[in-house]
C-alpha atoms as a PDB file:
ATOM      1  CA  UNK A   1       0.000   0.000   0.000  1.00  0.00           C
ATOM      2  CA  UNK A   2       1.180   3.502  -0.781  1.00  0.00           C
ATOM      3  CA  UNK A   3      -0.389   6.817   0.099  1.00  0.00           C
ATOM      4  CA  UNK A   4      -0.750   9.813  -2.207  1.00  0.00           C
ATOM      5  CA  UNK A   5      -1.273  13.542  -1.656  1.00  0.00           C
ATOM      6  CA  UNK A   6      -5.060  13.249  -1.542  1.00  0.00           C
ATOM      7  CA  UNK A   7      -4.715  10.824   1.375  1.00  0.00           C
ATOM      8  CA  UNK A   8      -2.808  13.486   3.312  1.00  0.00           C
ATOM      9  CA  UNK A   9      -5.482  16.079   2.580  1.00  0.00           C
ATOM     10  CA  UNK A  10      -8.050  13.567   3.818  1.00  0.00           C
ATOM     11  CA  UNK A  11      -6.150  13.189   7.075  1.00  0.00           C
ATOM     12  CA  UNK A  12      -6.140  16.955   7.540  1.00  0.00           C
ATOM     13  CA  UNK A  13      -9.887  16.924   6.867  1.00  0.00           C
ATOM     14  CA  UNK A  14     -10.352  14.233   9.548  1.00  0.00           C
ATOM     15  CA  UNK A  15      -8.617  16.399  12.167  1.00  0.00           C
ATOM     16  CA  UNK A  16     -10.755  19.428  11.374  1.00  0.00           C
ATOM     17  CA  UNK A  17      -8.703  21.687   9.114  1.00  0.00           C
ATOM     18  CA  UNK A  18     -10.928  24.222   7.348  1.00  0.00           C
ATOM     19  CA  UNK A  19     -12.134  23.177   3.906  1.00  0.00           C
ATOM     20  CA  UNK A  20     -10.986  26.492   2.389  1.00  0.00           C
ATOM     21  CA  UNK A  21      -7.412  25.789   3.492  1.00  0.00           C
ATOM     22  CA  UNK A  22      -7.591  22.209   2.229  1.00  0.00           C
ATOM     23  CA  UNK A  23      -8.784  23.225  -1.232  1.00  0.00           C
ATOM     24  CA  UNK A  24      -5.868  25.641  -1.619  1.00  0.00           C
ATOM     25  CA  UNK A  25      -3.100  23.255  -0.475  1.00  0.00           C
ATOM     26  CA  UNK A  26      -0.193  22.748  -2.838  1.00  0.00           C
ATOM     27  CA  UNK A  27       1.868  19.571  -2.587  1.00  0.00           C
ATOM     28  CA  UNK A  28       5.285  21.216  -2.827  1.00  0.00           C
ATOM     29  CA  UNK A  29       4.791  24.320  -0.648  1.00  0.00           C
ATOM     30  CA  UNK A  30       5.570  24.229   3.097  1.00  0.00           C
ATOM     31  CA  UNK A  31       2.414  23.394   5.039  1.00  0.00           C
ATOM     32  CA  UNK A  32       3.038  26.076   7.664  1.00  0.00           C
ATOM     33  CA  UNK A  33       3.052  28.693   4.883  1.00  0.00           C
ATOM     34  CA  UNK A  34      -0.361  27.480   3.699  1.00  0.00           C
ATOM     35  CA  UNK A  35      -2.406  27.889   6.866  1.00  0.00           C
ATOM     36  CA  UNK A  36      -1.704  24.537   8.487  1.00  0.00           C
ATOM     37  CA  UNK A  37      -0.645  25.227  12.057  1.00  0.00           C
ATOM     38  CA  UNK A  38       1.604  23.499  14.561  1.00  0.00           C
ATOM     39  CA  UNK A  39      -1.415  21.840  16.215  1.00  0.00           C
ATOM     40  CA  UNK A  40      -2.764  20.393  12.961  1.00  0.00           C
ATOM     41  CA  UNK A  41       0.494  18.625  12.082  1.00  0.00           C
ATOM     42  CA  UNK A  42       0.765  16.358  15.147  1.00  0.00           C
ATOM     43  CA  UNK A  43      -2.970  15.623  15.014  1.00  0.00           C
ATOM     44  CA  UNK A  44      -2.664  14.602  11.373  1.00  0.00           C
ATOM     45  CA  UNK A  45       0.412  12.467  12.118  1.00  0.00           C
ATOM     46  CA  UNK A  46      -1.495  10.708  14.925  1.00  0.00           C
ATOM     47  CA  UNK A  47      -4.397  10.075  12.538  1.00  0.00           C
ATOM     48  CA  UNK A  48      -1.937   8.619  10.002  1.00  0.00           C
ATOM     49  CA  UNK A  49      -0.432   6.326  12.641  1.00  0.00           C
ATOM     50  CA  UNK A  50      -3.863   4.983  13.510  1.00  0.00           C
ATOM     51  CA  UNK A  51      -5.086   4.644   9.931  1.00  0.00           C
ATOM     52  CA  UNK A  52      -1.950   3.073   8.461  1.00  0.00           C
ATOM     53  CA  UNK A  53      -0.731   1.205  11.584  1.00  0.00           C
ATOM     54  CA  UNK A  54       2.742   2.772  11.435  1.00  0.00           C
ATOM     55  CA  UNK A  55       4.998   4.551  13.903  1.00  0.00           C
ATOM     56  CA  UNK A  56       5.738   8.158  12.994  1.00  0.00           C
ATOM     57  CA  UNK A  57       7.652   9.017  16.155  1.00  0.00           C
ATOM     58  CA  UNK A  58      10.613  10.158  14.044  1.00  0.00           C
ATOM     59  CA  UNK A  59       8.557  12.739  12.179  1.00  0.00           C
ATOM     60  CA  UNK A  60       9.579  16.354  12.563  1.00  0.00           C
ATOM     61  CA  UNK A  61       8.928  19.694  10.926  1.00  0.00           C
ATOM     62  CA  UNK A  62      12.580  19.674   9.883  1.00  0.00           C
ATOM     63  CA  UNK A  63      12.265  16.727   7.502  1.00  0.00           C
ATOM     64  CA  UNK A  64       8.549  16.943   6.673  1.00  0.00           C
ATOM     65  CA  UNK A  65       7.607  20.387   5.416  1.00  0.00           C
ATOM     66  CA  UNK A  66       5.313  19.689   2.479  1.00  0.00           C
ATOM     67  CA  UNK A  67       2.607  17.210   1.518  1.00  0.00           C
ATOM     68  CA  UNK A  68       5.113  15.543  -0.811  1.00  0.00           C
ATOM     69  CA  UNK A  69       7.559  15.186   2.101  1.00  0.00           C
ATOM     70  CA  UNK A  70       4.854  13.583   4.249  1.00  0.00           C
ATOM     71  CA  UNK A  71       3.853  11.178   1.470  1.00  0.00           C
ATOM     72  CA  UNK A  72       7.481  10.083   1.088  1.00  0.00           C
ATOM     73  CA  UNK A  73       7.986   9.792   4.862  1.00  0.00           C
ATOM     74  CA  UNK A  74       4.894   7.606   5.313  1.00  0.00           C
ATOM     75  CA  UNK A  75       5.526   5.487   2.229  1.00  0.00           C
ATOM     76  CA  UNK A  76       9.060   4.754   3.462  1.00  0.00           C
ATOM     77  CA  UNK A  77       7.533   3.329   6.643  1.00  0.00           C
ATOM     78  CA  UNK A  78       4.870   1.327   4.840  1.00  0.00           C
ATOM     79  CA  UNK A  79       7.492  -0.772   3.038  1.00  0.00           C
END
Protein backbone atom coordinates (compact mmCIF):
# COMPACT_ATOMS: atom_id res chain seq x y z
CA UNK A 1 0.00 0.00 0.00
CA UNK A 2 1.18 3.50 -0.78
CA UNK A 3 -0.39 6.82 0.10
CA UNK A 4 -0.75 9.81 -2.21
CA UNK A 5 -1.27 13.54 -1.66
CA UNK A 6 -5.06 13.25 -1.54
CA UNK A 7 -4.72 10.82 1.38
CA UNK A 8 -2.81 13.49 3.31
CA UNK A 9 -5.48 16.08 2.58
CA UNK A 10 -8.05 13.57 3.82
CA UNK A 11 -6.15 13.19 7.07
CA UNK A 12 -6.14 16.95 7.54
CA UNK A 13 -9.89 16.92 6.87
CA UNK A 14 -10.35 14.23 9.55
CA UNK A 15 -8.62 16.40 12.17
CA UNK A 16 -10.76 19.43 11.37
CA UNK A 17 -8.70 21.69 9.11
CA UNK A 18 -10.93 24.22 7.35
CA UNK A 19 -12.13 23.18 3.91
CA UNK A 20 -10.99 26.49 2.39
CA UNK A 21 -7.41 25.79 3.49
CA UNK A 22 -7.59 22.21 2.23
CA UNK A 23 -8.78 23.23 -1.23
CA UNK A 24 -5.87 25.64 -1.62
CA UNK A 25 -3.10 23.26 -0.48
CA UNK A 26 -0.19 22.75 -2.84
CA UNK A 27 1.87 19.57 -2.59
CA UNK A 28 5.29 21.22 -2.83
CA UNK A 29 4.79 24.32 -0.65
CA UNK A 30 5.57 24.23 3.10
CA UNK A 31 2.41 23.39 5.04
CA UNK A 32 3.04 26.08 7.66
CA UNK A 33 3.05 28.69 4.88
CA UNK A 34 -0.36 27.48 3.70
CA UNK A 35 -2.41 27.89 6.87
CA UNK A 36 -1.70 24.54 8.49
CA UNK A 37 -0.64 25.23 12.06
CA UNK A 38 1.60 23.50 14.56
CA UNK A 39 -1.42 21.84 16.21
CA UNK A 40 -2.76 20.39 12.96
CA UNK A 41 0.49 18.62 12.08
CA UNK A 42 0.77 16.36 15.15
CA UNK A 43 -2.97 15.62 15.01
CA UNK A 44 -2.66 14.60 11.37
CA UNK A 45 0.41 12.47 12.12
CA UNK A 46 -1.50 10.71 14.92
CA UNK A 47 -4.40 10.08 12.54
CA UNK A 48 -1.94 8.62 10.00
CA UNK A 49 -0.43 6.33 12.64
CA UNK A 50 -3.86 4.98 13.51
CA UNK A 51 -5.09 4.64 9.93
CA UNK A 52 -1.95 3.07 8.46
CA UNK A 53 -0.73 1.20 11.58
CA UNK A 54 2.74 2.77 11.44
CA UNK A 55 5.00 4.55 13.90
CA UNK A 56 5.74 8.16 12.99
CA UNK A 57 7.65 9.02 16.16
CA UNK A 58 10.61 10.16 14.04
CA UNK A 59 8.56 12.74 12.18
CA UNK A 60 9.58 16.35 12.56
CA UNK A 61 8.93 19.69 10.93
CA UNK A 62 12.58 19.67 9.88
CA UNK A 63 12.26 16.73 7.50
CA UNK A 64 8.55 16.94 6.67
CA UNK A 65 7.61 20.39 5.42
CA UNK A 66 5.31 19.69 2.48
CA UNK A 67 2.61 17.21 1.52
CA UNK A 68 5.11 15.54 -0.81
CA UNK A 69 7.56 15.19 2.10
CA UNK A 70 4.85 13.58 4.25
CA UNK A 71 3.85 11.18 1.47
CA UNK A 72 7.48 10.08 1.09
CA UNK A 73 7.99 9.79 4.86
CA UNK A 74 4.89 7.61 5.31
CA UNK A 75 5.53 5.49 2.23
CA UNK A 76 9.06 4.75 3.46
CA UNK A 77 7.53 3.33 6.64
CA UNK A 78 4.87 1.33 4.84
CA UNK A 79 7.49 -0.77 3.04
